N, C-alpha and C. Protein backbone atom coordinates (compact mmCIF):
# COMPACT_ATOMS: atom_id res chain seq x y z
N UNK A 1 13.71 -21.45 8.29
CA UNK A 1 13.09 -20.60 9.26
C UNK A 1 12.33 -19.46 8.55
N UNK A 2 11.14 -19.17 9.01
CA UNK A 2 10.29 -18.15 8.41
C UNK A 2 10.85 -16.75 8.68
N UNK A 3 10.83 -15.90 7.65
CA UNK A 3 11.32 -14.53 7.80
C UNK A 3 10.33 -13.71 8.61
N UNK A 4 10.86 -12.77 9.38
CA UNK A 4 10.00 -11.83 10.11
C UNK A 4 9.48 -10.79 9.12
N UNK A 5 8.47 -10.04 9.55
CA UNK A 5 7.94 -8.96 8.71
C UNK A 5 9.02 -7.93 8.43
N UNK A 6 9.85 -7.66 9.42
CA UNK A 6 10.92 -6.68 9.26
C UNK A 6 11.94 -7.16 8.23
N UNK A 7 12.27 -8.44 8.24
CA UNK A 7 13.18 -8.99 7.24
C UNK A 7 12.58 -8.88 5.84
N UNK A 8 11.29 -9.16 5.73
CA UNK A 8 10.60 -9.03 4.43
C UNK A 8 10.60 -7.58 3.96
N UNK A 9 10.45 -6.65 4.91
CA UNK A 9 10.45 -5.22 4.57
C UNK A 9 11.78 -4.80 3.99
N UNK A 10 12.85 -5.40 4.47
CA UNK A 10 14.21 -5.01 4.05
C UNK A 10 14.77 -5.88 2.94
N UNK A 11 13.94 -6.27 1.99
CA UNK A 11 14.38 -7.10 0.86
C UNK A 11 15.55 -6.43 0.14
N UNK A 12 16.57 -7.21 -0.13
CA UNK A 12 17.81 -6.67 -0.69
C UNK A 12 17.83 -6.57 -2.23
N UNK A 13 17.03 -7.38 -2.91
CA UNK A 13 17.13 -7.47 -4.37
C UNK A 13 16.15 -6.57 -5.12
N UNK A 14 15.52 -5.64 -4.42
CA UNK A 14 14.53 -4.77 -5.03
C UNK A 14 14.88 -3.32 -4.71
N UNK A 15 14.47 -2.40 -5.53
CA UNK A 15 13.58 -2.46 -6.68
C UNK A 15 14.28 -3.03 -7.93
N UNK A 16 13.44 -3.40 -8.88
CA UNK A 16 13.94 -3.99 -10.12
C UNK A 16 13.12 -3.42 -11.29
N UNK A 17 13.80 -2.95 -12.32
CA UNK A 17 13.14 -2.43 -13.52
C UNK A 17 13.09 -3.56 -14.55
N UNK A 18 11.91 -3.75 -15.13
CA UNK A 18 11.71 -4.82 -16.10
C UNK A 18 11.24 -4.23 -17.42
N UNK A 19 11.83 -4.70 -18.52
CA UNK A 19 11.31 -4.39 -19.85
C UNK A 19 10.26 -5.45 -20.15
N UNK A 20 9.02 -5.00 -20.35
CA UNK A 20 7.93 -5.95 -20.54
C UNK A 20 7.97 -6.58 -21.92
N UNK A 21 7.68 -7.87 -22.01
CA UNK A 21 7.61 -8.53 -23.32
C UNK A 21 6.38 -8.03 -24.08
N UNK A 22 6.39 -8.20 -25.38
CA UNK A 22 5.30 -7.71 -26.23
C UNK A 22 3.93 -8.21 -25.78
N UNK A 23 3.84 -9.47 -25.38
CA UNK A 23 2.53 -10.03 -25.01
C UNK A 23 2.00 -9.45 -23.69
N UNK A 24 2.85 -8.84 -22.90
CA UNK A 24 2.40 -8.24 -21.63
C UNK A 24 1.96 -6.80 -21.80
N UNK A 25 2.33 -6.18 -22.90
CA UNK A 25 2.01 -4.76 -23.10
C UNK A 25 0.52 -4.50 -23.16
N UNK A 26 -0.25 -5.42 -23.70
CA UNK A 26 -1.70 -5.25 -23.77
C UNK A 26 -2.29 -5.27 -22.35
N UNK A 27 -1.82 -6.21 -21.53
CA UNK A 27 -2.30 -6.34 -20.15
C UNK A 27 -2.04 -5.07 -19.35
N UNK A 28 -0.91 -4.41 -19.63
CA UNK A 28 -0.53 -3.21 -18.88
C UNK A 28 -0.72 -1.94 -19.71
N UNK A 29 -1.72 -1.94 -20.56
CA UNK A 29 -2.15 -0.75 -21.32
C UNK A 29 -1.02 -0.08 -22.09
N UNK A 30 -0.24 -0.89 -22.79
CA UNK A 30 0.82 -0.37 -23.63
C UNK A 30 2.13 -0.07 -22.93
N UNK A 31 2.22 -0.36 -21.66
CA UNK A 31 3.45 -0.09 -20.91
C UNK A 31 4.60 -0.92 -21.46
N UNK A 32 5.75 -0.29 -21.54
CA UNK A 32 6.95 -0.99 -22.00
C UNK A 32 7.88 -1.32 -20.84
N UNK A 33 7.82 -0.53 -19.78
CA UNK A 33 8.70 -0.75 -18.64
C UNK A 33 7.89 -0.79 -17.35
N UNK A 34 8.36 -1.59 -16.40
CA UNK A 34 7.67 -1.76 -15.12
C UNK A 34 8.71 -1.82 -14.00
N UNK A 35 8.34 -1.23 -12.87
CA UNK A 35 9.18 -1.38 -11.69
C UNK A 35 8.50 -2.36 -10.73
N UNK A 36 9.31 -3.26 -10.21
CA UNK A 36 8.90 -4.07 -9.07
C UNK A 36 9.54 -3.34 -7.90
N UNK A 37 8.73 -2.62 -7.12
CA UNK A 37 9.30 -1.77 -6.08
C UNK A 37 9.85 -2.61 -4.92
N UNK A 38 10.50 -1.93 -4.03
CA UNK A 38 10.91 -2.61 -2.80
C UNK A 38 9.81 -2.41 -1.76
N UNK A 39 9.70 -3.30 -0.80
CA UNK A 39 8.74 -3.08 0.28
C UNK A 39 9.00 -1.76 1.00
N UNK A 40 10.27 -1.37 1.13
CA UNK A 40 10.63 -0.10 1.78
C UNK A 40 10.05 1.10 1.02
N UNK A 41 10.05 1.03 -0.32
CA UNK A 41 9.45 2.10 -1.13
C UNK A 41 7.99 2.31 -0.73
N UNK A 42 7.26 1.22 -0.64
CA UNK A 42 5.84 1.26 -0.32
C UNK A 42 5.66 1.76 1.12
N UNK A 43 6.46 1.25 2.03
CA UNK A 43 6.43 1.65 3.44
C UNK A 43 6.62 3.15 3.59
N UNK A 44 7.61 3.70 2.88
CA UNK A 44 7.90 5.13 2.99
C UNK A 44 6.74 5.99 2.52
N UNK A 45 6.10 5.60 1.43
CA UNK A 45 4.94 6.35 0.94
C UNK A 45 3.80 6.27 1.94
N UNK A 46 3.51 5.07 2.42
CA UNK A 46 2.42 4.89 3.39
C UNK A 46 2.67 5.68 4.67
N UNK A 47 3.91 5.83 5.05
CA UNK A 47 4.23 6.52 6.30
C UNK A 47 3.98 8.02 6.21
N UNK A 48 3.87 8.56 5.00
CA UNK A 48 3.73 10.01 4.80
C UNK A 48 2.29 10.49 4.68
N UNK A 49 1.32 9.59 4.74
CA UNK A 49 -0.08 10.00 4.57
C UNK A 49 -0.56 10.65 5.87
N UNK A 50 -0.84 11.96 5.82
CA UNK A 50 -1.22 12.66 7.05
C UNK A 50 -2.64 12.33 7.51
N UNK A 51 -2.88 12.57 8.79
CA UNK A 51 -4.21 12.35 9.36
C UNK A 51 -5.23 13.16 8.58
N UNK A 52 -6.38 12.54 8.33
CA UNK A 52 -7.44 13.19 7.55
C UNK A 52 -7.31 12.96 6.06
N UNK A 53 -6.25 12.27 5.64
CA UNK A 53 -6.01 11.98 4.23
C UNK A 53 -5.90 10.49 4.01
N UNK A 54 -6.01 10.10 2.74
CA UNK A 54 -5.95 8.69 2.35
C UNK A 54 -5.11 8.54 1.10
N UNK A 55 -4.76 7.30 0.80
CA UNK A 55 -4.09 6.97 -0.45
C UNK A 55 -4.58 5.59 -0.87
N UNK A 56 -4.60 5.34 -2.17
CA UNK A 56 -4.97 4.02 -2.67
C UNK A 56 -3.72 3.32 -3.20
N UNK A 57 -3.84 2.03 -3.38
CA UNK A 57 -2.74 1.26 -3.96
C UNK A 57 -2.41 1.81 -5.34
N UNK A 58 -3.42 2.18 -6.11
CA UNK A 58 -3.20 2.74 -7.45
C UNK A 58 -2.37 4.02 -7.39
N UNK A 59 -2.66 4.86 -6.40
CA UNK A 59 -1.90 6.10 -6.25
C UNK A 59 -0.45 5.81 -5.85
N UNK A 60 -0.25 4.83 -5.00
CA UNK A 60 1.12 4.42 -4.64
C UNK A 60 1.86 3.96 -5.89
N UNK A 61 1.18 3.19 -6.72
CA UNK A 61 1.79 2.71 -7.97
C UNK A 61 2.17 3.88 -8.88
N UNK A 62 1.31 4.88 -8.97
CA UNK A 62 1.61 6.07 -9.80
C UNK A 62 2.84 6.80 -9.27
N UNK A 63 2.92 6.97 -7.97
CA UNK A 63 4.07 7.65 -7.36
C UNK A 63 5.35 6.89 -7.68
N UNK A 64 5.31 5.58 -7.56
CA UNK A 64 6.51 4.76 -7.82
C UNK A 64 6.88 4.76 -9.30
N UNK A 65 5.90 4.76 -10.18
CA UNK A 65 6.19 4.83 -11.62
C UNK A 65 6.94 6.11 -11.95
N UNK A 66 6.50 7.20 -11.36
CA UNK A 66 7.19 8.49 -11.58
C UNK A 66 8.59 8.47 -10.97
N UNK A 67 8.70 7.95 -9.76
CA UNK A 67 10.00 7.91 -9.08
C UNK A 67 11.04 7.17 -9.91
N UNK A 68 10.64 6.04 -10.51
CA UNK A 68 11.58 5.21 -11.26
C UNK A 68 11.53 5.46 -12.77
N UNK A 69 10.75 6.46 -13.19
CA UNK A 69 10.64 6.84 -14.61
C UNK A 69 10.31 5.64 -15.50
N UNK A 70 9.27 4.90 -15.10
CA UNK A 70 8.80 3.75 -15.87
C UNK A 70 7.32 3.95 -16.20
N UNK A 71 6.80 3.09 -17.07
CA UNK A 71 5.42 3.21 -17.50
C UNK A 71 4.42 2.72 -16.46
N UNK A 72 4.79 1.74 -15.67
CA UNK A 72 3.86 1.18 -14.68
C UNK A 72 4.64 0.55 -13.51
N UNK A 73 3.89 0.26 -12.46
CA UNK A 73 4.45 -0.41 -11.28
C UNK A 73 3.67 -1.71 -11.09
N UNK A 74 4.37 -2.76 -10.73
CA UNK A 74 3.74 -4.07 -10.59
C UNK A 74 2.60 -4.01 -9.57
N UNK A 75 1.37 -4.32 -10.00
CA UNK A 75 0.24 -4.26 -9.08
C UNK A 75 0.25 -5.37 -8.03
N UNK A 76 0.71 -6.53 -8.40
CA UNK A 76 0.71 -7.67 -7.47
C UNK A 76 1.67 -7.42 -6.30
N UNK A 77 2.92 -7.09 -6.62
CA UNK A 77 3.89 -6.89 -5.54
C UNK A 77 3.55 -5.66 -4.71
N UNK A 78 3.01 -4.62 -5.32
CA UNK A 78 2.64 -3.43 -4.55
C UNK A 78 1.58 -3.80 -3.51
N UNK A 79 0.61 -4.60 -3.90
CA UNK A 79 -0.42 -5.05 -2.96
C UNK A 79 0.16 -5.89 -1.84
N UNK A 80 1.07 -6.77 -2.18
CA UNK A 80 1.73 -7.60 -1.17
C UNK A 80 2.55 -6.74 -0.23
N UNK A 81 3.22 -5.73 -0.79
CA UNK A 81 4.10 -4.90 0.03
C UNK A 81 3.34 -3.97 0.97
N UNK A 82 2.09 -3.60 0.65
CA UNK A 82 1.32 -2.81 1.64
C UNK A 82 1.00 -3.69 2.85
N UNK A 83 0.77 -4.96 2.62
CA UNK A 83 0.52 -5.93 3.69
C UNK A 83 1.78 -6.10 4.55
N UNK A 84 2.92 -6.24 3.88
CA UNK A 84 4.20 -6.37 4.60
C UNK A 84 4.47 -5.10 5.41
N UNK A 85 4.27 -3.93 4.80
CA UNK A 85 4.53 -2.66 5.49
C UNK A 85 3.70 -2.53 6.76
N UNK A 86 2.43 -2.86 6.69
CA UNK A 86 1.55 -2.76 7.85
C UNK A 86 2.02 -3.67 8.97
N UNK A 87 2.29 -4.91 8.65
CA UNK A 87 2.72 -5.88 9.67
C UNK A 87 4.12 -5.58 10.19
N UNK A 88 5.02 -5.14 9.32
CA UNK A 88 6.38 -4.81 9.76
C UNK A 88 6.35 -3.61 10.71
N UNK A 89 5.51 -2.64 10.42
CA UNK A 89 5.40 -1.46 11.28
C UNK A 89 5.00 -1.85 12.70
N UNK A 90 4.04 -2.73 12.81
CA UNK A 90 3.60 -3.21 14.13
C UNK A 90 4.71 -4.02 14.80
N UNK A 91 5.37 -4.88 14.02
CA UNK A 91 6.46 -5.69 14.56
C UNK A 91 7.62 -4.81 15.06
N UNK A 92 7.95 -3.79 14.30
CA UNK A 92 9.03 -2.87 14.69
C UNK A 92 8.66 -2.19 16.00
N UNK A 93 7.40 -1.76 16.11
CA UNK A 93 6.93 -1.10 17.32
C UNK A 93 6.95 -2.04 18.53
N UNK A 94 6.63 -3.31 18.31
CA UNK A 94 6.66 -4.28 19.41
C UNK A 94 8.08 -4.49 19.93
N UNK A 95 9.06 -4.37 19.04
CA UNK A 95 10.46 -4.55 19.41
C UNK A 95 11.11 -3.27 19.93
N UNK A 96 10.53 -2.13 19.54
CA UNK A 96 11.06 -0.83 19.96
C UNK A 96 9.88 0.10 20.18
N UNK A 97 9.44 0.20 21.40
CA UNK A 97 8.23 0.97 21.74
C UNK A 97 8.33 2.44 21.36
N UNK A 98 9.55 2.93 21.12
CA UNK A 98 9.72 4.33 20.71
C UNK A 98 9.39 4.55 19.23
N UNK A 99 9.37 3.46 18.45
CA UNK A 99 9.06 3.60 17.03
C UNK A 99 7.57 3.86 16.86
N UNK A 100 7.25 4.57 15.81
CA UNK A 100 5.86 4.94 15.54
C UNK A 100 5.30 3.99 14.49
N UNK A 101 4.11 3.48 14.75
CA UNK A 101 3.43 2.64 13.76
C UNK A 101 2.98 3.54 12.61
N UNK A 102 3.36 3.18 11.39
CA UNK A 102 2.94 3.98 10.25
C UNK A 102 1.41 3.89 10.13
N UNK A 103 0.77 4.92 9.59
CA UNK A 103 -0.69 4.91 9.47
C UNK A 103 -1.15 4.07 8.27
N UNK A 104 -0.85 2.79 8.32
CA UNK A 104 -1.17 1.88 7.22
C UNK A 104 -2.66 1.88 6.89
N UNK A 105 -3.51 2.11 7.89
CA UNK A 105 -4.96 2.08 7.70
C UNK A 105 -5.45 3.17 6.76
N UNK A 106 -4.60 4.15 6.47
CA UNK A 106 -4.98 5.22 5.53
C UNK A 106 -4.74 4.82 4.08
N UNK A 107 -4.23 3.61 3.87
CA UNK A 107 -4.02 3.08 2.52
C UNK A 107 -5.16 2.11 2.21
N UNK A 108 -5.84 2.37 1.10
CA UNK A 108 -7.00 1.58 0.68
C UNK A 108 -6.74 0.90 -0.65
N UNK A 109 -7.54 -0.11 -0.92
CA UNK A 109 -7.53 -0.74 -2.23
C UNK A 109 -8.28 0.18 -3.20
N UNK A 110 -8.38 -0.23 -4.46
CA UNK A 110 -9.09 0.59 -5.44
C UNK A 110 -10.55 0.77 -5.04
N UNK A 111 -11.10 1.87 -5.47
CA UNK A 111 -12.49 2.23 -5.19
C UNK A 111 -12.78 2.38 -3.70
N UNK A 112 -11.73 2.58 -2.90
CA UNK A 112 -11.91 2.83 -1.47
C UNK A 112 -12.18 1.61 -0.63
N UNK A 113 -11.88 0.44 -1.15
CA UNK A 113 -12.14 -0.80 -0.41
C UNK A 113 -11.11 -0.99 0.71
N UNK A 114 -11.59 -1.47 1.86
CA UNK A 114 -10.72 -1.75 3.00
C UNK A 114 -9.91 -3.03 2.74
N UNK A 115 -8.81 -3.17 3.46
CA UNK A 115 -7.85 -4.26 3.23
C UNK A 115 -8.01 -5.34 4.29
N UNK A 116 -8.50 -6.51 3.87
CA UNK A 116 -8.75 -7.62 4.80
C UNK A 116 -7.46 -8.19 5.39
N UNK A 117 -6.34 -8.04 4.68
CA UNK A 117 -5.08 -8.64 5.14
C UNK A 117 -4.32 -7.76 6.14
N UNK A 118 -4.84 -6.60 6.43
CA UNK A 118 -4.19 -5.77 7.45
C UNK A 118 -4.30 -6.45 8.81
N UNK A 119 -3.40 -6.12 9.73
CA UNK A 119 -3.49 -6.69 11.08
C UNK A 119 -4.88 -6.43 11.68
N UNK A 120 -5.51 -7.48 12.18
CA UNK A 120 -6.85 -7.35 12.75
C UNK A 120 -7.97 -7.43 11.73
N UNK A 121 -7.62 -7.57 10.45
CA UNK A 121 -8.62 -7.72 9.40
C UNK A 121 -9.45 -6.47 9.15
N UNK A 122 -10.56 -6.68 8.45
CA UNK A 122 -11.46 -5.58 8.09
C UNK A 122 -11.96 -4.86 9.34
N UNK A 123 -12.28 -5.61 10.37
CA UNK A 123 -12.85 -5.00 11.58
C UNK A 123 -11.89 -3.96 12.18
N UNK A 124 -10.62 -4.31 12.29
CA UNK A 124 -9.64 -3.38 12.84
C UNK A 124 -9.41 -2.21 11.89
N UNK A 125 -9.35 -2.49 10.59
CA UNK A 125 -9.16 -1.43 9.59
C UNK A 125 -10.32 -0.43 9.70
N UNK A 126 -11.53 -0.95 9.79
CA UNK A 126 -12.71 -0.10 9.91
C UNK A 126 -12.65 0.74 11.19
N UNK A 127 -12.28 0.13 12.29
CA UNK A 127 -12.22 0.83 13.58
C UNK A 127 -11.21 1.98 13.53
N UNK A 128 -10.03 1.71 12.97
CA UNK A 128 -9.00 2.74 12.89
C UNK A 128 -9.43 3.91 12.01
N UNK A 129 -10.11 3.62 10.90
CA UNK A 129 -10.60 4.70 10.03
C UNK A 129 -11.73 5.49 10.71
N UNK A 130 -12.65 4.81 11.35
CA UNK A 130 -13.75 5.49 12.04
C UNK A 130 -13.23 6.34 13.20
N UNK A 131 -12.16 5.89 13.86
CA UNK A 131 -11.54 6.68 14.92
C UNK A 131 -10.99 8.01 14.41
N UNK A 132 -10.70 8.06 13.10
CA UNK A 132 -10.21 9.31 12.49
C UNK A 132 -11.35 10.09 11.82
N UNK A 133 -12.59 9.62 12.01
CA UNK A 133 -13.74 10.36 11.51
C UNK A 133 -14.24 9.97 10.13
N UNK A 134 -13.69 8.90 9.56
CA UNK A 134 -14.13 8.46 8.24
C UNK A 134 -15.39 7.60 8.36
N UNK A 135 -16.21 7.63 7.31
CA UNK A 135 -17.45 6.88 7.26
C UNK A 135 -17.26 5.61 6.42
N UNK A 136 -17.45 4.47 7.04
CA UNK A 136 -17.26 3.17 6.38
C UNK A 136 -18.62 2.58 6.07
N UNK A 137 -18.76 2.02 4.85
CA UNK A 137 -20.03 1.42 4.43
C UNK A 137 -19.79 0.02 3.88
N UNK A 138 -20.78 -0.83 4.01
CA UNK A 138 -20.70 -2.19 3.47
C UNK A 138 -21.52 -2.26 2.19
N UNK A 139 -20.93 -2.88 1.16
CA UNK A 139 -21.61 -3.12 -0.11
C UNK A 139 -21.45 -4.60 -0.41
N UNK A 140 -22.49 -5.37 -0.14
CA UNK A 140 -22.40 -6.82 -0.31
C UNK A 140 -21.42 -7.39 0.69
N UNK A 141 -20.44 -8.14 0.20
CA UNK A 141 -19.44 -8.75 1.07
C UNK A 141 -18.25 -7.83 1.35
N UNK A 142 -18.16 -6.70 0.64
CA UNK A 142 -16.99 -5.83 0.74
C UNK A 142 -17.31 -4.60 1.58
N UNK A 143 -16.26 -4.01 2.14
CA UNK A 143 -16.39 -2.82 2.97
C UNK A 143 -15.58 -1.70 2.33
N UNK A 144 -16.20 -0.52 2.23
CA UNK A 144 -15.59 0.62 1.55
C UNK A 144 -15.63 1.86 2.43
N UNK A 145 -14.79 2.79 2.06
CA UNK A 145 -14.81 4.09 2.71
C UNK A 145 -15.67 5.02 1.85
N UNK A 146 -16.66 5.61 2.45
CA UNK A 146 -17.57 6.52 1.75
C UNK A 146 -16.81 7.78 1.33
N UNK A 147 -17.01 8.19 0.08
CA UNK A 147 -16.41 9.42 -0.46
C UNK A 147 -14.90 9.48 -0.29
N UNK A 148 -14.24 8.35 -0.41
CA UNK A 148 -12.79 8.28 -0.21
C UNK A 148 -12.03 9.23 -1.13
N UNK A 149 -12.56 9.48 -2.34
CA UNK A 149 -11.86 10.32 -3.31
C UNK A 149 -11.61 11.73 -2.76
N UNK A 150 -12.48 12.18 -1.87
CA UNK A 150 -12.35 13.53 -1.31
C UNK A 150 -11.16 13.67 -0.36
N UNK A 151 -10.54 12.55 0.01
CA UNK A 151 -9.47 12.57 1.00
C UNK A 151 -8.13 12.07 0.49
N UNK A 152 -8.04 11.85 -0.82
CA UNK A 152 -6.79 11.33 -1.38
C UNK A 152 -5.70 12.38 -1.19
N UNK A 153 -4.56 11.93 -0.67
CA UNK A 153 -3.45 12.83 -0.31
C UNK A 153 -2.36 12.81 -1.37
N UNK A 154 -1.88 13.98 -1.76
CA UNK A 154 -0.74 14.02 -2.69
C UNK A 154 0.57 13.84 -1.93
N UNK A 155 0.99 12.60 -1.74
CA UNK A 155 2.25 12.32 -1.06
C UNK A 155 3.26 11.80 -2.06
N UNK A 156 4.49 11.66 -1.62
CA UNK A 156 5.48 11.04 -2.49
C UNK A 156 6.66 11.85 -2.73
């Protein structure tokens, strides 16, 4: 049976600290240690981004690296966990109307790119950001938030 988003959010075996092998250190710019965070870690950071502010996946990774006192945070799982956090938040709200949907739309990919895997895809992500007064622009096939750097929030 397929796990719900909420079950995925509540993964029991994470976070996990990994000592990187020598051949991986070049890929991670000399890092010796890495945290594979829990989806809940990512969810909690995303939930704290106030209106009018933004955060990127890279910034979430930096916050988690500091929290766990490691050199880096796994980029792959962090990206997957922002997707889980967004969907779990909506699922939790559907099951309990009193719960608040975390402002997942305030979390962007690197360089301010919107996240296609969010609920409703790029179109919904764009709509939610524009509803908060942000300016969204298209560059080729990708969609970005204009001047996103001016709105990065120090959360964590």
